Protein backbone atom coordinates (compact mmCIF):
# COMPACT_ATOMS: atom_id res chain seq x y z
CA MET A 1 52.96 -20.33 -64.89
CA ASP A 2 55.07 -22.51 -62.64
CA ASN A 3 54.01 -25.51 -60.66
CA SER A 4 53.81 -23.56 -57.40
CA PHE A 5 51.00 -21.39 -58.83
CA TRP A 6 48.93 -24.41 -59.87
CA ARG A 7 49.62 -26.06 -56.53
CA LYS A 8 48.33 -23.01 -54.65
CA PHE A 9 45.40 -22.68 -57.05
CA SER A 10 44.34 -26.31 -56.59
CA THR A 11 44.82 -26.14 -52.80
CA HIS A 12 42.73 -22.99 -52.43
CA GLY A 13 40.16 -24.37 -54.88
CA ILE A 14 39.72 -27.49 -52.75
CA LEU A 15 39.42 -25.37 -49.59
CA ILE A 16 36.82 -23.09 -51.21
CA LEU A 17 34.79 -26.05 -52.49
CA GLY A 18 34.96 -27.70 -49.07
CA THR A 19 33.81 -24.47 -47.39
CA ILE A 20 30.88 -24.12 -49.79
CA PHE A 21 29.93 -27.76 -49.31
CA MET A 22 29.98 -27.48 -45.51
CA SER A 23 28.29 -24.08 -45.22
CA ALA A 24 25.62 -24.45 -47.93
CA PRO A 25 23.09 -26.28 -45.66
CA VAL A 26 23.48 -23.60 -42.97
CA TRP A 27 23.01 -20.85 -45.57
CA ILE A 28 19.87 -22.50 -46.96
CA ALA A 29 18.44 -22.99 -43.46
CA PHE A 30 19.10 -19.34 -42.59
CA MET A 31 17.59 -18.03 -45.81
CA SER A 32 14.55 -20.29 -45.46
CA SER A 33 14.01 -19.08 -41.88
CA THR A 34 13.40 -15.54 -43.19
CA HIS A 35 10.44 -16.58 -45.35
CA PRO A 36 6.81 -17.15 -44.26
CA ALA A 37 5.40 -20.64 -43.84
CA ASP A 38 3.23 -20.50 -46.97
CA THR A 39 6.24 -19.66 -49.18
CA LEU A 40 8.17 -22.65 -47.89
CA PHE A 41 5.09 -24.87 -48.29
CA ARG A 42 4.53 -23.80 -51.93
CA GLU A 43 8.07 -23.28 -53.19
CA GLY A 44 10.27 -25.36 -50.90
CA LEU A 45 13.67 -24.27 -49.57
CA GLN A 46 14.79 -20.72 -50.27
CA TYR A 47 18.25 -19.47 -51.23
CA TRP A 48 17.92 -15.73 -50.57
CA PHE A 49 16.56 -13.37 -47.93
CA GLY A 50 12.86 -13.08 -47.27
CA GLY A 51 11.06 -10.32 -45.44
CA HIS A 52 10.22 -12.08 -42.18
CA PHE A 53 13.58 -12.23 -40.37
CA PHE A 54 12.63 -10.15 -37.32
CA GLU A 55 9.15 -11.59 -37.12
CA THR A 56 10.33 -15.21 -37.15
CA TYR A 57 13.27 -14.82 -34.76
CA ASN A 58 11.29 -12.65 -32.35
CA GLU A 59 8.58 -15.31 -32.19
CA VAL A 60 11.06 -18.15 -31.74
CA LEU A 61 13.11 -16.36 -29.08
CA PHE A 62 10.39 -14.76 -26.96
CA VAL A 63 7.05 -16.51 -27.61
CA GLU A 64 6.46 -19.66 -25.61
CA GLY A 65 6.17 -22.77 -27.75
CA GLY A 66 6.75 -26.50 -27.67
CA VAL A 67 4.22 -29.22 -26.98
CA MET A 68 2.91 -27.61 -23.78
CA LYS A 69 3.58 -23.98 -24.82
CA LYS A 70 5.84 -23.42 -21.82
CA VAL A 71 9.32 -22.71 -23.20
CA THR A 72 11.08 -20.20 -25.45
CA ALA A 73 14.26 -20.54 -27.46
CA LEU A 74 15.90 -18.02 -25.12
CA GLU A 75 15.30 -20.32 -22.14
CA MET A 76 16.59 -23.33 -24.07
CA LEU A 77 19.70 -21.38 -25.08
CA GLY A 78 20.26 -20.58 -21.41
CA ASN A 79 19.96 -24.25 -20.47
CA SER A 80 22.40 -25.21 -23.24
CA MET A 81 24.85 -22.52 -22.12
CA ILE A 82 24.78 -23.81 -18.53
CA LEU A 83 25.26 -27.37 -19.77
CA GLY A 84 28.11 -26.40 -22.10
CA LEU A 85 29.97 -24.31 -19.51
CA GLY A 86 29.39 -26.79 -16.69
CA PHE A 87 30.47 -29.63 -18.94
CA ALA A 88 33.67 -27.81 -19.97
CA ILE A 89 34.65 -26.49 -16.53
CA GLY A 90 33.87 -29.78 -14.80
CA LYS A 91 35.89 -31.83 -17.28
CA VAL A 92 38.89 -29.48 -17.03
CA VAL A 93 38.89 -29.55 -13.20
CA ILE A 94 38.46 -33.32 -12.93
CA SER A 95 40.91 -34.10 -15.75
CA MET A 96 43.60 -31.75 -14.43
CA SER A 97 43.24 -33.13 -10.91
CA ALA A 98 43.48 -36.75 -12.10
CA ALA A 99 46.48 -36.01 -14.33
CA TYR A 100 48.20 -34.11 -11.51
CA ALA A 101 47.77 -37.05 -9.15
CA ILE A 102 49.01 -39.55 -11.74
CA VAL A 103 52.13 -37.57 -12.69
CA TYR A 104 53.26 -36.02 -9.42
CA PHE A 105 52.00 -38.41 -6.73
CA ARG A 106 54.17 -41.31 -7.75
CA PHE A 107 52.38 -44.27 -6.21
CA ARG A 108 52.68 -47.80 -7.59
CA LEU A 109 49.30 -48.01 -9.28
CA ALA A 110 49.53 -44.66 -11.06
CA THR A 111 50.25 -46.08 -14.51
CA PRO A 112 47.71 -48.97 -14.31
CA LEU A 113 45.03 -46.59 -13.03
CA PHE A 114 45.75 -44.19 -15.88
CA TRP A 115 45.24 -46.96 -18.43
CA VAL A 116 42.01 -47.96 -16.71
CA ILE A 117 40.85 -44.37 -17.10
CA PHE A 118 42.01 -44.34 -20.71
CA LEU A 119 40.15 -47.57 -21.50
CA THR A 120 36.87 -45.85 -20.60
CA LEU A 121 37.16 -44.18 -24.01
CA LEU A 122 36.04 -47.54 -25.39
CA LEU A 123 32.78 -47.29 -23.44
CA PRO A 124 30.29 -44.96 -25.11
CA LEU A 125 27.65 -43.08 -23.13
CA GLU A 126 24.99 -45.57 -24.25
CA VAL A 127 26.71 -48.38 -22.30
CA ARG A 128 26.49 -46.58 -18.95
CA ILE A 129 23.40 -44.50 -19.54
CA VAL A 130 20.95 -46.76 -17.66
CA PRO A 131 22.97 -47.01 -14.40
CA SER A 132 23.78 -43.30 -14.62
CA TYR A 133 20.09 -42.52 -15.02
CA GLU A 134 19.22 -44.71 -12.02
CA VAL A 135 21.77 -42.90 -9.86
CA VAL A 136 20.57 -39.45 -10.94
CA VAL A 137 16.92 -40.31 -10.35
CA GLY A 138 17.80 -41.81 -6.97
CA LEU A 139 19.46 -38.54 -5.97
CA GLY A 140 16.41 -36.54 -7.09
CA LEU A 141 18.33 -34.66 -9.80
CA LEU A 142 15.98 -35.27 -12.71
CA ASN A 143 15.23 -32.04 -14.65
CA THR A 144 18.09 -30.19 -12.93
CA HIS A 145 21.29 -28.69 -14.28
CA THR A 146 23.30 -30.70 -11.76
CA GLY A 147 21.78 -33.93 -13.02
CA LEU A 148 22.63 -32.96 -16.60
CA ILE A 149 26.24 -32.04 -15.89
CA LEU A 150 27.56 -34.15 -13.01
CA PRO A 151 27.44 -37.66 -14.58
CA LEU A 152 29.31 -36.46 -17.69
CA ILE A 153 32.25 -34.49 -16.30
CA ALA A 154 34.77 -37.34 -16.04
CA SER A 155 36.98 -37.26 -19.15
CA ALA A 156 39.62 -39.78 -20.19
CA THR A 157 40.55 -37.56 -23.14
CA GLY A 158 41.20 -34.53 -20.94
CA THR A 159 43.14 -36.63 -18.44
CA PHE A 160 45.34 -37.98 -21.25
CA PHE A 161 46.16 -34.50 -22.63
CA PHE A 162 46.90 -33.00 -19.22
CA ARG A 163 49.05 -36.01 -18.27
CA GLN A 164 51.12 -35.64 -21.41
CA TYR A 165 51.51 -31.92 -20.81
CA PHE A 166 52.49 -32.29 -17.15
CA LYS A 167 55.11 -34.88 -18.08
CA SER A 168 56.73 -32.25 -20.31
CA VAL A 169 57.05 -29.71 -17.47
CA PRO A 170 60.72 -29.48 -16.35
CA GLU A 171 61.59 -31.23 -13.09
CA GLU A 172 63.47 -28.11 -12.02
CA LEU A 173 60.16 -26.33 -11.41
CA LEU A 174 59.10 -29.03 -8.96
CA GLU A 175 62.45 -28.87 -7.19
CA ALA A 176 62.23 -25.08 -6.97
CA ALA A 177 58.73 -25.35 -5.51
CA ARG A 178 59.97 -27.79 -2.89
CA LEU A 179 62.82 -25.45 -1.92
CA ASP A 180 60.25 -22.67 -1.59
CA ASN A 181 58.21 -24.88 0.76
CA ALA A 182 55.30 -24.91 -1.67
CA GLY A 183 52.79 -27.64 -0.95
CA PRO A 184 51.05 -29.75 -3.62
CA LEU A 185 48.03 -27.45 -3.87
CA ARG A 186 50.16 -24.32 -4.15
CA PHE A 187 52.35 -25.94 -6.82
CA LEU A 188 49.25 -26.84 -8.82
CA ILE A 189 47.59 -23.42 -8.56
CA ASP A 190 50.67 -21.15 -8.74
CA VAL A 191 52.80 -23.10 -11.22
CA LEU A 192 50.93 -25.67 -13.28
CA VAL A 193 47.69 -23.77 -13.87
CA PRO A 194 49.42 -20.65 -15.30
CA LEU A 195 51.67 -22.84 -17.46
CA SER A 196 48.66 -24.82 -18.70
CA LYS A 197 46.36 -21.90 -19.56
CA THR A 198 46.49 -22.49 -23.33
CA MET A 199 45.91 -26.21 -22.80
CA ILE A 200 43.00 -25.42 -20.49
CA ALA A 201 41.54 -23.08 -23.10
CA ALA A 202 41.83 -25.71 -25.86
CA ILE A 203 40.21 -28.44 -23.75
CA MET A 204 37.45 -26.08 -22.61
CA ILE A 205 36.59 -25.09 -26.19
CA ILE A 206 36.39 -28.72 -27.28
CA MET A 207 34.35 -29.77 -24.27
CA PHE A 208 32.02 -26.77 -24.51
CA VAL A 209 31.12 -27.72 -28.07
CA VAL A 210 30.68 -31.38 -27.09
CA GLY A 211 28.50 -30.41 -24.12
CA TRP A 212 26.44 -27.97 -26.17
CA ASN A 213 25.71 -30.66 -28.78
CA GLN A 214 24.72 -33.35 -26.26
CA TYR A 215 21.46 -34.99 -27.35
CA LEU A 216 20.84 -38.43 -25.85
CA TRP A 217 21.60 -37.62 -22.20
CA PRO A 218 19.51 -34.40 -22.06
CA LEU A 219 16.72 -36.21 -23.93
CA ILE A 220 16.54 -38.79 -21.14
CA MET A 221 17.21 -36.43 -18.24
CA THR A 222 14.66 -33.72 -19.14
CA THR A 223 10.96 -34.48 -18.96
CA GLU A 224 9.82 -30.88 -18.44
CA GLU A 225 9.94 -28.34 -21.24
CA ASN A 226 11.53 -25.59 -19.15
CA SER A 227 14.57 -27.89 -18.73
CA TYR A 228 15.05 -28.52 -22.46
CA THR A 229 18.30 -27.63 -24.17
CA ILE A 230 18.29 -26.06 -27.62
CA VAL A 231 19.20 -29.36 -29.28
CA ILE A 232 16.20 -31.06 -27.69
CA GLY A 233 14.09 -28.05 -28.69
CA ILE A 234 14.92 -28.63 -32.36
CA LYS A 235 13.63 -32.19 -32.08
CA GLN A 236 10.48 -31.02 -30.32
CA ILE A 237 9.65 -28.31 -32.84
CA TYR A 238 9.80 -30.82 -35.68
CA GLN A 239 7.21 -32.87 -33.78
CA VAL A 240 4.80 -29.92 -33.56
CA LEU A 241 5.31 -28.37 -37.00
CA SER A 242 1.61 -28.52 -37.72
CA GLU A 243 -0.48 -26.74 -35.08
CA GLY A 244 -4.25 -26.96 -35.22
CA GLY A 245 -4.47 -27.50 -38.96
CA GLU A 246 -2.17 -24.58 -39.77
CA LEU A 247 0.68 -24.74 -42.26
CA PRO A 248 3.84 -26.48 -40.98
CA GLN A 249 6.06 -23.84 -39.38
CA PHE A 250 9.30 -24.90 -41.04
CA GLN A 251 10.74 -21.40 -40.76
CA LYS A 252 10.67 -21.72 -36.96
CA ALA A 253 12.52 -25.02 -37.09
CA PHE A 254 15.19 -23.48 -39.34
CA ALA A 255 15.47 -20.43 -37.07
CA LEU A 256 15.95 -22.65 -34.03
CA THR A 257 18.64 -24.60 -35.88
CA ILE A 258 20.54 -21.40 -36.71
CA LEU A 259 20.31 -20.24 -33.09
CA ALA A 260 21.71 -23.60 -31.96
CA VAL A 261 24.69 -23.29 -34.31
CA LEU A 262 25.72 -19.72 -33.42
CA PRO A 263 27.17 -20.02 -29.87
CA PRO A 264 29.64 -22.88 -30.59
CA VAL A 265 30.74 -21.16 -33.80
CA LEU A 266 31.31 -17.87 -31.97
CA VAL A 267 33.26 -19.59 -29.19
CA VAL A 268 35.57 -21.29 -31.69
CA LEU A 269 36.05 -18.09 -33.73
CA VAL A 270 36.77 -15.88 -30.72
CA PHE A 271 39.14 -18.30 -28.99
CA GLN A 272 40.67 -20.01 -32.02
CA SER A 273 44.17 -18.62 -31.35
CA TRP A 274 44.13 -20.10 -27.84
CA PHE A 275 42.75 -23.34 -29.27
CA VAL A 276 45.60 -23.64 -31.77
CA LYS A 277 48.24 -22.73 -29.17
CA GLY A 278 46.89 -25.35 -26.79
CA LEU A 279 47.02 -28.08 -29.42
CA VAL A 280 50.50 -27.09 -30.62
CA GLU A 281 51.94 -26.94 -27.09
CA SER A 282 50.44 -30.32 -26.25
CA GLU A 283 52.43 -31.84 -29.10
CA LYS A 284 55.81 -30.48 -27.99
């Protein structure tokens, strides 16, 4: 056997081991969610299917639970979907608009303002969370989707990627648009948006996953159970595992965890070709 065989064998072996290592906790959580509470209490985590899959997931999805018994996993999934989509769409629109202004409206402060925007990457959410909370509460947006989404849609990362992409667009397209009497808005919508569709898709996928997994901001912004996202719901169900002296309902917690993982995974799997194209084109 030549060296190329052993190189491929070792490479695939590392990939397989990495896949097993990363997916094993998800597998164990899924298998454990299909077993009754008493089995998990007596025997611990399970590694194969039980007989309570439909019973557990039906109860988690459609039976109201939580501390006040007012929310279902289906409602929390809906809240997370709105947050994820609003987060992604808002960041793409704001980032593309900012990058367009910086690249094509050549005013003196364009470059300094871009670096000011870029420096906000050094400021985590925790630094600005108190003033952001004060503003949202002052506007009466507590426990609303607008209050969850609006303070988070500015993105230095998205602005950076769109700026780099717009700078790679040939100047001839701008000149042709000017000869065609196309205004700034028409040039953006008719020329740059179609050219940037793979970039838009890549940024949206990344931002959707980031928005879906938000924890700290929704934790602060939601005080009513019907406004909870699925990530907050996981935290809450671990706080109420024992109900009225009954066995801890670990299978429900595991089921909720699996439901929280599925949408981002499906989004990445379905749109992975667009995601890869967007990243490759941004590097050209």
